[in-house]
C-alpha atoms as a PDB file:
ATOM      1  CA  MET A   1      12.910  17.795 -31.417  1.00  0.00           C
ATOM      2  CA  THR A   2      15.381  18.595 -28.196  1.00  0.00           C
ATOM      3  CA  GLU A   3      17.056  15.702 -26.956  1.00  0.00           C
ATOM      4  CA  THR A   4      14.805  16.081 -23.585  1.00  0.00           C
ATOM      5  CA  CYS A   5      11.531  15.909 -25.641  1.00  0.00           C
ATOM      6  CA  PHE A   6      13.040  13.007 -27.750  1.00  0.00           C
ATOM      7  CA  ARG A   7      13.922  11.474 -24.755  1.00  0.00           C
ATOM      8  CA  LYS A   8      10.701  11.625 -22.740  1.00  0.00           C
ATOM      9  CA  ARG A   9       8.555  10.536 -26.250  1.00  0.00           C
ATOM     10  CA  ARG A  10      10.847   7.065 -25.873  1.00  0.00           C
ATOM     11  CA  LEU A  11      10.310   6.867 -22.976  1.00  0.00           C
ATOM     12  CA  SER A  12       6.147   7.494 -22.756  1.00  0.00           C
ATOM     13  CA  LEU A  13       5.929   4.886 -25.329  1.00  0.00           C
ATOM     14  CA  SER A  14       8.305   2.273 -24.247  1.00  0.00           C
ATOM     15  CA  TRP A  15       6.514   2.521 -20.680  1.00  0.00           C
ATOM     16  CA  SER A  16       2.820   2.649 -22.473  1.00  0.00           C
ATOM     17  CA  LEU A  17       3.906  -0.094 -24.440  1.00  0.00           C
ATOM     18  CA  SER A  18       5.285  -2.318 -21.397  1.00  0.00           C
ATOM     19  CA  LEU A  19       2.003  -1.080 -19.277  1.00  0.00           C
ATOM     20  CA  LEU A  20      -0.234  -2.554 -22.368  1.00  0.00           C
ATOM     21  CA  VAL A  21       1.455  -6.206 -22.309  1.00  0.00           C
ATOM     22  CA  VAL A  22       1.293  -6.360 -18.372  1.00  0.00           C
ATOM     23  CA  THR A  23      -2.304  -5.118 -18.136  1.00  0.00           C
ATOM     24  CA  LEU A  24      -3.562  -7.688 -20.672  1.00  0.00           C
ATOM     25  CA  SER A  25      -1.620 -10.125 -18.937  1.00  0.00           C
ATOM     26  CA  ALA A  26      -3.579  -9.019 -15.505  1.00  0.00           C
ATOM     27  CA  VAL A  27      -6.292  -8.879 -16.425  1.00  0.00           C
ATOM     28  CA  SER A  28      -6.302 -12.797 -18.626  1.00  0.00           C
ATOM     29  CA  ILE A  29      -5.162 -14.011 -14.941  1.00  0.00           C
ATOM     30  CA  SER A  30      -7.519 -12.289 -13.135  1.00  0.00           C
ATOM     31  CA  MET A  31      -9.841 -14.451 -14.359  1.00  0.00           C
ATOM     32  CA  PHE A  32      -8.777 -17.253 -12.607  1.00  0.00           C
ATOM     33  CA  PHE A  33      -9.483 -15.584  -9.004  1.00  0.00           C
ATOM     34  CA  ILE A  34     -12.776 -15.702  -6.669  1.00  0.00           C
ATOM     35  CA  GLY A  35     -14.633 -12.861  -6.091  1.00  0.00           C
ATOM     36  CA  CYS A  36     -17.265 -12.630  -4.118  1.00  0.00           C
ATOM     37  CA  GLY A  37     -20.106 -10.535  -2.197  1.00  0.00           C
ATOM     38  CA  ARG A  38     -19.273  -6.569  -2.825  1.00  0.00           C
ATOM     39  CA  ASN A  39     -15.180  -7.431  -2.767  1.00  0.00           C
ATOM     40  CA  GLU A  40     -12.869  -7.301  -6.031  1.00  0.00           C
ATOM     41  CA  PRO A  41     -11.237 -10.134  -6.332  1.00  0.00           C
ATOM     42  CA  VAL A  42      -8.014 -11.090  -4.563  1.00  0.00           C
ATOM     43  CA  SER A  43      -5.173 -12.949  -5.703  1.00  0.00           C
ATOM     44  CA  GLU A  44      -3.023 -16.172  -3.843  1.00  0.00           C
ATOM     45  CA  GLU A  45      -0.036 -14.716  -5.410  1.00  0.00           C
ATOM     46  CA  GLU A  46       0.706 -12.507  -8.482  1.00  0.00           C
ATOM     47  CA  THR A  47       3.759 -11.958  -9.878  1.00  0.00           C
ATOM     48  CA  HIS A  48       4.630  -9.850 -12.985  1.00  0.00           C
ATOM     49  CA  GLU A  49       8.382  -9.217 -14.699  1.00  0.00           C
ATOM     50  CA  SER A  50       9.274  -6.148 -16.599  1.00  0.00           C
ATOM     51  CA  THR A  51      10.265  -6.063 -20.134  1.00  0.00           C
ATOM     52  CA  SER A  52      10.873  -4.214 -22.950  1.00  0.00           C
ATOM     53  CA  GLY A  53      11.322  -4.951 -26.971  1.00  0.00           C
ATOM     54  CA  GLU A  54      15.228  -5.670 -26.362  1.00  0.00           C
ATOM     55  CA  SER A  55      17.055  -8.378 -26.214  1.00  0.00           C
ATOM     56  CA  GLU A  56      18.418  -9.595 -22.079  1.00  0.00           C
ATOM     57  CA  THR A  57      20.469 -12.123 -20.792  1.00  0.00           C
ATOM     58  CA  THR A  58      18.028 -14.469 -18.356  1.00  0.00           C
ATOM     59  CA  ALA A  59      21.926 -15.608 -16.208  1.00  0.00           C
ATOM     60  CA  GLU A  60      21.400 -13.275 -13.537  1.00  0.00           C
ATOM     61  CA  PRO A  61      17.691 -13.970 -11.354  1.00  0.00           C
ATOM     62  CA  ALA A  62      15.560 -11.405 -11.370  1.00  0.00           C
ATOM     63  CA  ILE A  63      14.983  -8.316  -8.141  1.00  0.00           C
ATOM     64  CA  ILE A  64      11.827  -9.738  -6.749  1.00  0.00           C
ATOM     65  CA  ILE A  65       9.961  -6.204  -5.840  1.00  0.00           C
ATOM     66  CA  ALA A  66       6.902  -6.979  -3.624  1.00  0.00           C
ATOM     67  CA  VAL A  67       3.374  -5.104  -2.759  1.00  0.00           C
ATOM     68  CA  HIS A  68       0.660  -6.059   0.081  1.00  0.00           C
ATOM     69  CA  PRO A  69      -2.579  -6.046  -1.375  1.00  0.00           C
ATOM     70  CA  TYR A  70      -4.202  -2.315  -0.957  1.00  0.00           C
ATOM     71  CA  ALA A  71      -5.754  -2.711  -3.927  1.00  0.00           C
ATOM     72  CA  SER A  72      -6.333  -5.178  -6.629  1.00  0.00           C
ATOM     73  CA  PRO A  73      -4.227  -7.234  -8.914  1.00  0.00           C
ATOM     74  CA  VAL A  74      -4.970  -5.641 -12.085  1.00  0.00           C
ATOM     75  CA  GLU A  75      -4.497  -1.995 -10.192  1.00  0.00           C
ATOM     76  CA  LEU A  76      -1.431  -2.886  -8.813  1.00  0.00           C
ATOM     77  CA  VAL A  77       0.244  -4.626 -11.841  1.00  0.00           C
ATOM     78  CA  ARG A  78      -0.575  -1.115 -13.985  1.00  0.00           C
ATOM     79  CA  ASN A  79       0.003   1.276 -11.933  1.00  0.00           C
ATOM     80  CA  PHE A  80       3.685  -0.203 -10.829  1.00  0.00           C
ATOM     81  CA  THR A  81       4.563  -1.309 -13.850  1.00  0.00           C
ATOM     82  CA  PRO A  82       6.366   2.195 -15.466  1.00  0.00           C
ATOM     83  CA  LEU A  83       8.503   2.454 -12.078  1.00  0.00           C
ATOM     84  CA  LEU A  84       9.661  -1.050 -12.862  1.00  0.00           C
ATOM     85  CA  GLU A  85      10.021  -0.006 -15.934  1.00  0.00           C
ATOM     86  CA  TYR A  86      12.573   2.676 -14.457  1.00  0.00           C
ATOM     87  CA  LEU A  87      14.401   0.881 -12.665  1.00  0.00           C
ATOM     88  CA  ARG A  88      15.396  -1.545 -15.340  1.00  0.00           C
ATOM     89  CA  GLU A  89      16.673   1.021 -17.278  1.00  0.00           C
ATOM     90  CA  HIS A  90      18.874   2.839 -15.568  1.00  0.00           C
ATOM     91  CA  THR A  91      20.626   0.010 -13.642  1.00  0.00           C
ATOM     92  CA  GLY A  92      20.313  -2.997 -16.803  1.00  0.00           C
ATOM     93  CA  LYS A  93      19.100  -4.784 -13.880  1.00  0.00           C
ATOM     94  CA  ARG A  94      15.542  -7.388 -14.214  1.00  0.00           C
ATOM     95  CA  PHE A  95      12.576  -6.606 -12.013  1.00  0.00           C
ATOM     96  CA  SER A  96       9.424  -8.880 -10.890  1.00  0.00           C
ATOM     97  CA  LEU A  97       6.963  -7.359  -9.365  1.00  0.00           C
ATOM     98  CA  VAL A  98       5.096 -10.028  -6.562  1.00  0.00           C
ATOM     99  CA  ILE A  99       2.006  -9.068  -4.679  1.00  0.00           C
ATOM    100  CA  SER A 100       1.419 -11.056  -2.063  1.00  0.00           C
ATOM    101  CA  GLN A 101      -2.078 -12.757  -0.624  1.00  0.00           C
ATOM    102  CA  SER A 102      -2.705 -10.665   2.339  1.00  0.00           C
ATOM    103  CA  TYR A 103      -0.935  -8.329   4.850  1.00  0.00           C
ATOM    104  CA  GLU A 104       0.120 -11.222   7.172  1.00  0.00           C
ATOM    105  CA  THR A 105       1.704 -13.011   4.553  1.00  0.00           C
ATOM    106  CA  HIS A 106       3.437  -9.636   3.056  1.00  0.00           C
ATOM    107  CA  ILE A 107       5.107  -9.186   6.062  1.00  0.00           C
ATOM    108  CA  ALA A 108       6.048 -12.962   6.713  1.00  0.00           C
ATOM    109  CA  ARG A 109       8.020 -13.047   3.385  1.00  0.00           C
ATOM    110  CA  VAL A 110       9.381  -9.643   3.719  1.00  0.00           C
ATOM    111  CA  GLY A 111      10.639 -10.927   7.007  1.00  0.00           C
ATOM    112  CA  ALA A 112      12.206 -14.276   5.901  1.00  0.00           C
ATOM    113  CA  ASN A 113      14.319 -12.772   3.071  1.00  0.00           C
ATOM    114  CA  GLU A 114      12.038 -14.132   0.076  1.00  0.00           C
ATOM    115  CA  VAL A 115      11.997 -10.927  -1.860  1.00  0.00           C
ATOM    116  CA  ASP A 116      14.441  -8.443  -2.066  1.00  0.00           C
ATOM    117  CA  ILE A 117      12.597  -5.321  -2.374  1.00  0.00           C
ATOM    118  CA  ALA A 118       9.100  -4.333  -0.556  1.00  0.00           C
ATOM    119  CA  LEU A 119       6.851  -1.577  -0.521  1.00  0.00           C
ATOM    120  CA  ILE A 120       5.688  -1.681   3.379  1.00  0.00           C
ATOM    121  CA  GLY A 121       3.124   0.689   4.655  1.00  0.00           C
ATOM    122  CA  PRO A 122       3.938   2.554   8.336  1.00  0.00           C
ATOM    123  CA  VAL A 123       2.698  -1.140  10.958  1.00  0.00           C
ATOM    124  CA  SER A 124       4.519  -3.572   8.412  1.00  0.00           C
ATOM    125  CA  TYR A 125       7.054  -1.725   8.631  1.00  0.00           C
ATOM    126  CA  VAL A 126       7.318  -2.033  12.515  1.00  0.00           C
ATOM    127  CA  ALA A 127       6.186  -5.270  12.631  1.00  0.00           C
ATOM    128  CA  ILE A 128       8.335  -7.150  10.987  1.00  0.00           C
ATOM    129  CA  SER A 129      11.154  -5.137  13.126  1.00  0.00           C
ATOM    130  CA  GLU A 130       9.822  -6.266  15.623  1.00  0.00           C
ATOM    131  CA  GLN A 131       9.525  -9.454  14.841  1.00  0.00           C
ATOM    132  CA  PHE A 132      12.269 -10.420  12.048  1.00  0.00           C
ATOM    133  CA  GLY A 133      14.749  -7.369  12.895  1.00  0.00           C
ATOM    134  CA  GLY A 134      16.007  -4.241  10.753  1.00  0.00           C
ATOM    135  CA  LYS A 135      15.762  -3.707   7.324  1.00  0.00           C
ATOM    136  CA  ARG A 136      17.456  -1.656   5.106  1.00  0.00           C
ATOM    137  CA  LEU A 137      14.909   1.986   4.442  1.00  0.00           C
ATOM    138  CA  LEU A 138      15.484   2.741   0.714  1.00  0.00           C
ATOM    139  CA  CYS A 139      13.154   6.105  -0.170  1.00  0.00           C
ATOM    140  CA  CYS A 140       9.899   6.800   1.679  1.00  0.00           C
ATOM    141  CA  PHE A 141       7.021   8.296  -0.119  1.00  0.00           C
ATOM    142  CA  GLU A 142       6.440  11.810  -0.196  1.00  0.00           C
ATOM    143  CA  VAL A 143       2.576  13.087  -0.600  1.00  0.00           C
ATOM    144  CA  ASN A 144       1.975  16.895  -0.978  1.00  0.00           C
ATOM    145  CA  GLY A 145       5.553  17.696  -0.368  1.00  0.00           C
ATOM    146  CA  SER A 146       6.091  15.484   3.072  1.00  0.00           C
ATOM    147  CA  PRO A 147       6.710  12.179   4.142  1.00  0.00           C
ATOM    148  CA  ASP A 148       3.638  12.350   5.987  1.00  0.00           C
ATOM    149  CA  PHE A 149       0.176  10.717   5.169  1.00  0.00           C
ATOM    150  CA  GLN A 150      -3.707  10.314   6.647  1.00  0.00           C
ATOM    151  CA  GLY A 151      -6.100   7.946   6.174  1.00  0.00           C
ATOM    152  CA  TYR A 152      -9.710   8.812   6.735  1.00  0.00           C
ATOM    153  CA  ILE A 153     -13.073   6.726   8.643  1.00  0.00           C
ATOM    154  CA  ILE A 154     -16.103   6.649   5.993  1.00  0.00           C
ATOM    155  CA  ALA A 155     -19.703   6.420   6.051  1.00  0.00           C
ATOM    156  CA  ARG A 156     -22.377   6.617   3.620  1.00  0.00           C
ATOM    157  CA  LYS A 157     -23.497  10.137   2.691  1.00  0.00           C
ATOM    158  CA  ASP A 158     -27.491   9.178   3.667  1.00  0.00           C
ATOM    159  CA  SER A 159     -25.483   8.063   7.291  1.00  0.00           C
ATOM    160  CA  PRO A 160     -26.610  10.476   9.820  1.00  0.00           C
ATOM    161  CA  ALA A 161     -23.471   9.664  11.900  1.00  0.00           C
ATOM    162  CA  THR A 162     -20.837  12.809  12.080  1.00  0.00           C
ATOM    163  CA  SER A 163     -18.244  11.747  14.736  1.00  0.00           C
ATOM    164  CA  LEU A 164     -17.217   8.874  15.594  1.00  0.00           C
ATOM    165  CA  ALA A 165     -19.836   8.259  19.090  1.00  0.00           C
ATOM    166  CA  ASP A 166     -22.576   7.786  16.742  1.00  0.00           C
ATOM    167  CA  LEU A 167     -20.354   5.179  15.150  1.00  0.00           C
ATOM    168  CA  GLN A 168     -20.550   3.077  18.576  1.00  0.00           C
ATOM    169  CA  GLY A 169     -21.362  -0.690  17.965  1.00  0.00           C
ATOM    170  CA  LYS A 170     -21.973  -0.309  14.277  1.00  0.00           C
ATOM    171  CA  SER A 171     -20.082  -2.029  11.883  1.00  0.00           C
ATOM    172  CA  PHE A 172     -16.997  -1.265  10.326  1.00  0.00           C
ATOM    173  CA  ALA A 173     -15.033  -2.838   7.861  1.00  0.00           C
ATOM    174  CA  SER A 174     -11.127  -2.792   7.792  1.00  0.00           C
ATOM    175  CA  SER A 175      -8.435  -4.652   5.166  1.00  0.00           C
ATOM    176  CA  SER A 176      -6.563  -5.589   7.416  1.00  0.00           C
ATOM    177  CA  ARG A 177      -5.918  -5.882  11.382  1.00  0.00           C
ATOM    178  CA  LYS A 178      -1.928  -5.049   9.602  1.00  0.00           C
ATOM    179  CA  SER A 179      -3.124  -1.865   7.749  1.00  0.00           C
ATOM    180  CA  THR A 180      -1.971   1.512   9.233  1.00  0.00           C
ATOM    181  CA  MET A 181      -4.873   3.498   7.372  1.00  0.00           C
ATOM    182  CA  SER A 182      -7.827   1.065   7.897  1.00  0.00           C
ATOM    183  CA  TYR A 183      -7.293  -0.170  11.607  1.00  0.00           C
ATOM    184  CA  VAL A 184      -4.286   0.839  12.966  1.00  0.00           C
ATOM    185  CA  VAL A 185      -4.840   4.257  12.881  1.00  0.00           C
ATOM    186  CA  PRO A 186      -8.640   4.245  12.852  1.00  0.00           C
ATOM    187  CA  ARG A 187      -8.887   2.060  16.553  1.00  0.00           C
ATOM    188  CA  TYR A 188      -6.164   4.160  17.854  1.00  0.00           C
ATOM    189  CA  MET A 189      -8.541   7.438  17.067  1.00  0.00           C
ATOM    190  CA  PHE A 190     -10.960   5.270  18.800  1.00  0.00           C
ATOM    191  CA  ILE A 191      -9.350   4.987  21.781  1.00  0.00           C
ATOM    192  CA  GLU A 192      -8.370   9.202  21.780  1.00  0.00           C
ATOM    193  CA  ALA A 193     -12.533   9.473  21.263  1.00  0.00           C
ATOM    194  CA  GLY A 194     -12.971   7.502  24.507  1.00  0.00           C
ATOM    195  CA  VAL A 195     -15.330   5.771  22.500  1.00  0.00           C
ATOM    196  CA  PRO A 196     -15.382   2.021  22.381  1.00  0.00           C
ATOM    197  CA  PHE A 197     -13.920   0.462  19.129  1.00  0.00           C
ATOM    198  CA  PRO A 198     -16.676  -1.821  17.847  1.00  0.00           C
ATOM    199  CA  ASP A 199     -14.351  -4.642  17.538  1.00  0.00           C
ATOM    200  CA  ALA A 200     -17.713  -7.694  17.657  1.00  0.00           C
ATOM    201  CA  GLN A 201     -18.947  -6.007  14.159  1.00  0.00           C
ATOM    202  CA  LEU A 202     -15.566  -5.341  12.625  1.00  0.00           C
ATOM    203  CA  ARG A 203     -15.034  -6.940   9.044  1.00  0.00           C
ATOM    204  CA  ILE A 204     -12.325  -7.484   7.469  1.00  0.00           C
ATOM    205  CA  VAL A 205     -12.543  -7.035   3.814  1.00  0.00           C
ATOM    206  CA  GLY A 206      -9.220  -7.487   2.160  1.00  0.00           C
ATOM    207  CA  SER A 207      -8.344  -4.059   0.737  1.00  0.00           C
ATOM    208  CA  HIS A 208      -9.118  -0.539   0.947  1.00  0.00           C
ATOM    209  CA  ASN A 209     -11.203  -0.777  -2.143  1.00  0.00           C
ATOM    210  CA  ASN A 210     -13.314  -3.067  -0.757  1.00  0.00           C
ATOM    211  CA  VAL A 211     -14.067  -1.275   2.623  1.00  0.00           C
ATOM    212  CA  CYS A 212     -15.600   1.456   0.574  1.00  0.00           C
ATOM    213  CA  LEU A 213     -17.349  -0.899  -1.382  1.00  0.00           C
ATOM    214  CA  ASN A 214     -18.996  -2.824   1.504  1.00  0.00           C
ATOM    215  CA  ILE A 215     -19.735   0.722   2.669  1.00  0.00           C
ATOM    216  CA  LEU A 216     -21.773   1.424  -0.210  1.00  0.00           C
ATOM    217  CA  ALA A 217     -23.317  -1.789  -0.848  1.00  0.00           C
ATOM    218  CA  GLY A 218     -24.422  -1.156   2.852  1.00  0.00           C
ATOM    219  CA  ASP A 219     -23.273  -4.020   4.366  1.00  0.00           C
ATOM    220  CA  VAL A 220     -20.876  -2.316   6.616  1.00  0.00           C
ATOM    221  CA  TYR A 221     -21.943   0.636   8.211  1.00  0.00           C
ATOM    222  CA  ALA A 222     -18.658   2.710   8.350  1.00  0.00           C
ATOM    223  CA  GLY A 223     -14.298   2.081   7.662  1.00  0.00           C
ATOM    224  CA  GLY A 224     -10.960   3.287   8.067  1.00  0.00           C
ATOM    225  CA  VAL A 225      -9.227   3.867   4.390  1.00  0.00           C
ATOM    226  CA  ARG A 226      -6.439   5.738   2.335  1.00  0.00           C
ATOM    227  CA  GLU A 227      -6.877   8.973   0.447  1.00  0.00           C
ATOM    228  CA  LYS A 228      -6.584   7.163  -2.299  1.00  0.00           C
ATOM    229  CA  ALA A 229      -9.288   4.437  -2.302  1.00  0.00           C
ATOM    230  CA  TYR A 230     -11.693   7.771  -0.566  1.00  0.00           C
ATOM    231  CA  GLN A 231     -10.862   9.892  -3.469  1.00  0.00           C
ATOM    232  CA  LYS A 232     -11.933   6.725  -6.172  1.00  0.00           C
ATOM    233  CA  TYR A 233     -15.286   6.077  -4.630  1.00  0.00           C
ATOM    234  CA  LYS A 234     -16.576   9.826  -2.612  1.00  0.00           C
ATOM    235  CA  ASP A 235     -18.623  10.782  -5.586  1.00  0.00           C
ATOM    236  CA  ARG A 236     -20.611   7.564  -5.536  1.00  0.00           C
ATOM    237  CA  ASN A 237     -22.361   7.950  -1.951  1.00  0.00           C
ATOM    238  CA  LEU A 238     -19.664   8.421   0.450  1.00  0.00           C
ATOM    239  CA  LYS A 239     -18.796  10.843   3.623  1.00  0.00           C
ATOM    240  CA  VAL A 240     -15.586  11.388   5.929  1.00  0.00           C
ATOM    241  CA  ILE A 241     -16.488  10.850   9.235  1.00  0.00           C
ATOM    242  CA  ALA A 242     -12.973  11.878  10.586  1.00  0.00           C
ATOM    243  CA  ILE A 243      -9.756  12.299   9.295  1.00  0.00           C
ATOM    244  CA  SER A 244      -6.946  10.438  11.003  1.00  0.00           C
ATOM    245  CA  PRO A 245      -3.575  12.288  12.366  1.00  0.00           C
ATOM    246  CA  LYS A 246      -0.628  12.116   9.940  1.00  0.00           C
ATOM    247  CA  VAL A 247       2.354   9.421  10.167  1.00  0.00           C
ATOM    248  CA  THR A 248       5.140   8.991   8.180  1.00  0.00           C
ATOM    249  CA  ALA A 249       4.431   7.480   4.534  1.00  0.00           C
ATOM    250  CA  HIS A 250       4.933   4.278   3.343  1.00  0.00           C
ATOM    251  CA  SER A 251       8.733   2.824   2.600  1.00  0.00           C
ATOM    252  CA  PHE A 252      10.723   0.493  -0.069  1.00  0.00           C
ATOM    253  CA  VAL A 253      12.897  -1.651   1.982  1.00  0.00           C
ATOM    254  CA  ALA A 254      15.870  -4.631   1.231  1.00  0.00           C
ATOM    255  CA  THR A 255      15.760  -7.470   2.590  1.00  0.00           C
ATOM    256  CA  ASP A 256      18.960  -9.194   3.332  1.00  0.00           C
ATOM    257  CA  ARG A 257      18.955 -11.211   0.389  1.00  0.00           C
ATOM    258  CA  LEU A 258      20.253  -7.411  -2.030  1.00  0.00           C
ATOM    259  CA  ASP A 259      23.514  -7.104  -1.560  1.00  0.00           C
ATOM    260  CA  ASP A 260      25.091  -3.675  -0.729  1.00  0.00           C
ATOM    261  CA  GLU A 261      26.396  -2.752  -4.006  1.00  0.00           C
ATOM    262  CA  THR A 262      22.560  -3.565  -5.795  1.00  0.00           C
ATOM    263  CA  TYR A 263      20.578  -1.983  -2.904  1.00  0.00           C
ATOM    264  CA  ALA A 264      22.733   1.152  -3.271  1.00  0.00           C
ATOM    265  CA  GLN A 265      22.027   1.411  -7.105  1.00  0.00           C
ATOM    266  CA  ILE A 266      19.158   1.176  -6.717  1.00  0.00           C
ATOM    267  CA  LYS A 267      19.046   3.949  -4.191  1.00  0.00           C
ATOM    268  CA  GLN A 268      20.638   6.455  -5.662  1.00  0.00           C
ATOM    269  CA  VAL A 269      18.407   5.431  -8.719  1.00  0.00           C
ATOM    270  CA  MET A 270      15.062   6.090  -6.676  1.00  0.00           C
ATOM    271  CA  MET A 271      15.822   9.061  -5.242  1.00  0.00           C
ATOM    272  CA  ASN A 272      16.934  11.087  -8.856  1.00  0.00           C
ATOM    273  CA  ILE A 273      13.573  10.476  -9.754  1.00  0.00           C
ATOM    274  CA  LYS A 274      13.123  14.443  -9.658  1.00  0.00           C
ATOM    275  CA  SER A 275      11.402  16.087 -12.628  1.00  0.00           C
ATOM    276  CA  LYS A 276       8.175  16.894 -12.657  1.00  0.00           C
ATOM    277  CA  GLU A 277       7.723  14.081 -16.114  1.00  0.00           C
ATOM    278  CA  GLU A 278       9.357  11.614 -14.207  1.00  0.00           C
ATOM    279  CA  ILE A 279       6.887  12.265 -10.702  1.00  0.00           C
ATOM    280  CA  GLU A 280       3.579  12.257 -13.040  1.00  0.00           C
ATOM    281  CA  MET A 281       5.085   9.389 -15.160  1.00  0.00           C
ATOM    282  CA  LEU A 282       6.262   6.936 -11.869  1.00  0.00           C
ATOM    283  CA  LEU A 283       5.084   7.253  -9.399  1.00  0.00           C
ATOM    284  CA  LYS A 284       1.336   9.273  -9.611  1.00  0.00           C
ATOM    285  CA  PRO A 285      -0.139   6.351 -10.548  1.00  0.00           C
ATOM    286  CA  ILE A 286       1.091   4.595  -7.505  1.00  0.00           C
ATOM    287  CA  LYS A 287      -0.390   7.422  -5.305  1.00  0.00           C
ATOM    288  CA  SER A 288      -2.128  10.470  -6.947  1.00  0.00           C
ATOM    289  CA  THR A 289      -1.046  13.203  -4.005  1.00  0.00           C
ATOM    290  CA  MET A 290       2.974  11.720  -4.616  1.00  0.00           C
ATOM    291  CA  THR A 291       5.276  14.510  -5.571  1.00  0.00           C
ATOM    292  CA  GLY A 292       8.859  12.651  -5.089  1.00  0.00           C
ATOM    293  CA  LEU A 293      10.277   9.660  -2.624  1.00  0.00           C
ATOM    294  CA  THR A 294      12.352  10.997   0.441  1.00  0.00           C
ATOM    295  CA  ALA A 295      14.924   9.606   2.851  1.00  0.00           C
ATOM    296  CA  VAL A 296      13.724   7.639   5.964  1.00  0.00           C
ATOM    297  CA  THR A 297      14.826   6.204   9.242  1.00  0.00           C
ATOM    298  CA  ASP A 298      13.589   3.623  11.532  1.00  0.00           C
ATOM    299  CA  LYS A 299      12.988   6.717  14.143  1.00  0.00           C
ATOM    300  CA  ASP A 300      10.392   8.370  11.627  1.00  0.00           C
ATOM    301  CA  TYR A 301       8.150   5.607  12.764  1.00  0.00           C
ATOM    302  CA  ASP A 302       8.398   5.720  16.299  1.00  0.00           C
ATOM    303  CA  LYS A 303       5.064   7.721  16.470  1.00  0.00           C
ATOM    304  CA  VAL A 304       3.476   4.200  14.336  1.00  0.00           C
ATOM    305  CA  ARG A 305       5.205   2.209  17.518  1.00  0.00           C
ATOM    306  CA  THR A 306       3.010   4.007  19.971  1.00  0.00           C
ATOM    307  CA  MET A 307       0.034   4.239  18.323  1.00  0.00           C
ATOM    308  CA  MET A 308       0.324   0.713  17.676  1.00  0.00           C
ATOM    309  CA  ALA A 309       0.916   0.064  21.683  1.00  0.00           C
ATOM    310  CA  VAL A 310      -1.953   1.647  22.761  1.00  0.00           C
ATOM    311  CA  VAL A 311      -4.228  -0.257  20.140  1.00  0.00           C
ATOM    312  CA  SER A 312      -2.190  -4.029  21.389  1.00  0.00           C
ATOM    313  CA  GLU A 313      -2.841  -2.670  25.077  1.00  0.00           C
ATOM    314  CA  ASP A 314      -6.215  -1.909  24.662  1.00  0.00           C
ATOM    315  CA  GLU A 315      -7.219  -5.580  22.679  1.00  0.00           C
ATOM    316  CA  ARG A 316      -5.037  -6.992  24.992  1.00  0.00           C
ATOM    317  CA  ARG A 317      -7.883  -5.706  28.098  1.00  0.00           C
ATOM    318  CA  LEU A 318     -10.188  -6.990  26.196  1.00  0.00           C
ATOM    319  CA  THR A 319      -9.091 -10.128  26.115  1.00  0.00           C
ATOM    320  CA  GLU A 320      -8.256  -9.962  29.644  1.00  0.00           C
ATOM    321  CA  GLU A 321     -12.104  -9.428  30.029  1.00  0.00           C
ATOM    322  CA  GLY A 322     -13.614 -11.426  28.268  1.00  0.00           C
ATOM    323  CA  LYS A 323     -14.830  -9.847  25.425  1.00  0.00           C
ATOM    324  CA  GLN A 324     -13.259 -11.195  22.176  1.00  0.00           C
ATOM    325  CA  VAL A 325     -10.719  -9.481  20.422  1.00  0.00           C
ATOM    326  CA  LYS A 326     -11.191 -11.170  16.478  1.00  0.00           C
END
């Protein structure tokens, strides 16, 4: 057996054992969460620290990586554990994963430098930059060979709707008003199509998976989701009404409390995830269409800034006209 093959199997076993412990822990914690209706359980906050069989000193605090709750806590812990373990092995530092309660609390904690690193969506990145000042970008998702991604506006297959015009006045589900592909981009699409967004019928359901579940249950007529959520549930009874324009994908950012040396070290380690095996083990659990991590600049999010400005103007106009914006 070659050294490369041996190392690959050793790492795979290490991550698998760690993932088993983490998943069991996450499942036990989730027993205390309160779930209702068609939604998955949502945690107030969940923290997991990367572990290994080696003895580690606890003198140095763990580096906290925060993630917004775009999926269930158990799913997020399971998907991010291999990457945390990889970072620990290649930096010699401890890492903790924190799942924020909501998109809004995620923006607030990253802006206030309460964590060291965060995964943030395009809209959240722009919001943080505007409210708290810029954060250092580490890297961006590369999706199918591109730093851009897109989402879907979906409905049940038995719905007669075939266009955005058919959704006028229908109930619409979003994970959050701070979500890129569940609210801001879909609303922008309605505006560009000249169709009033169904604001009065908008339901905020907490995650992209919950958007799908509420549509399948018949609780809402349509909704906006990221690709992975649609792929997860499409065979149950969902169809695509419209595909969104592409925008720059999610990024990892560093807050002010992470020192420059550690920032540079982590950035180099993440940018060096190149091999097919590493991408399969570390990145595809997070997003199945991810093909790597790539460099990104603040200017890359200008398209999202433009969309947010259009949406904000539409919301302001409705408020002035006396039409309540939820």
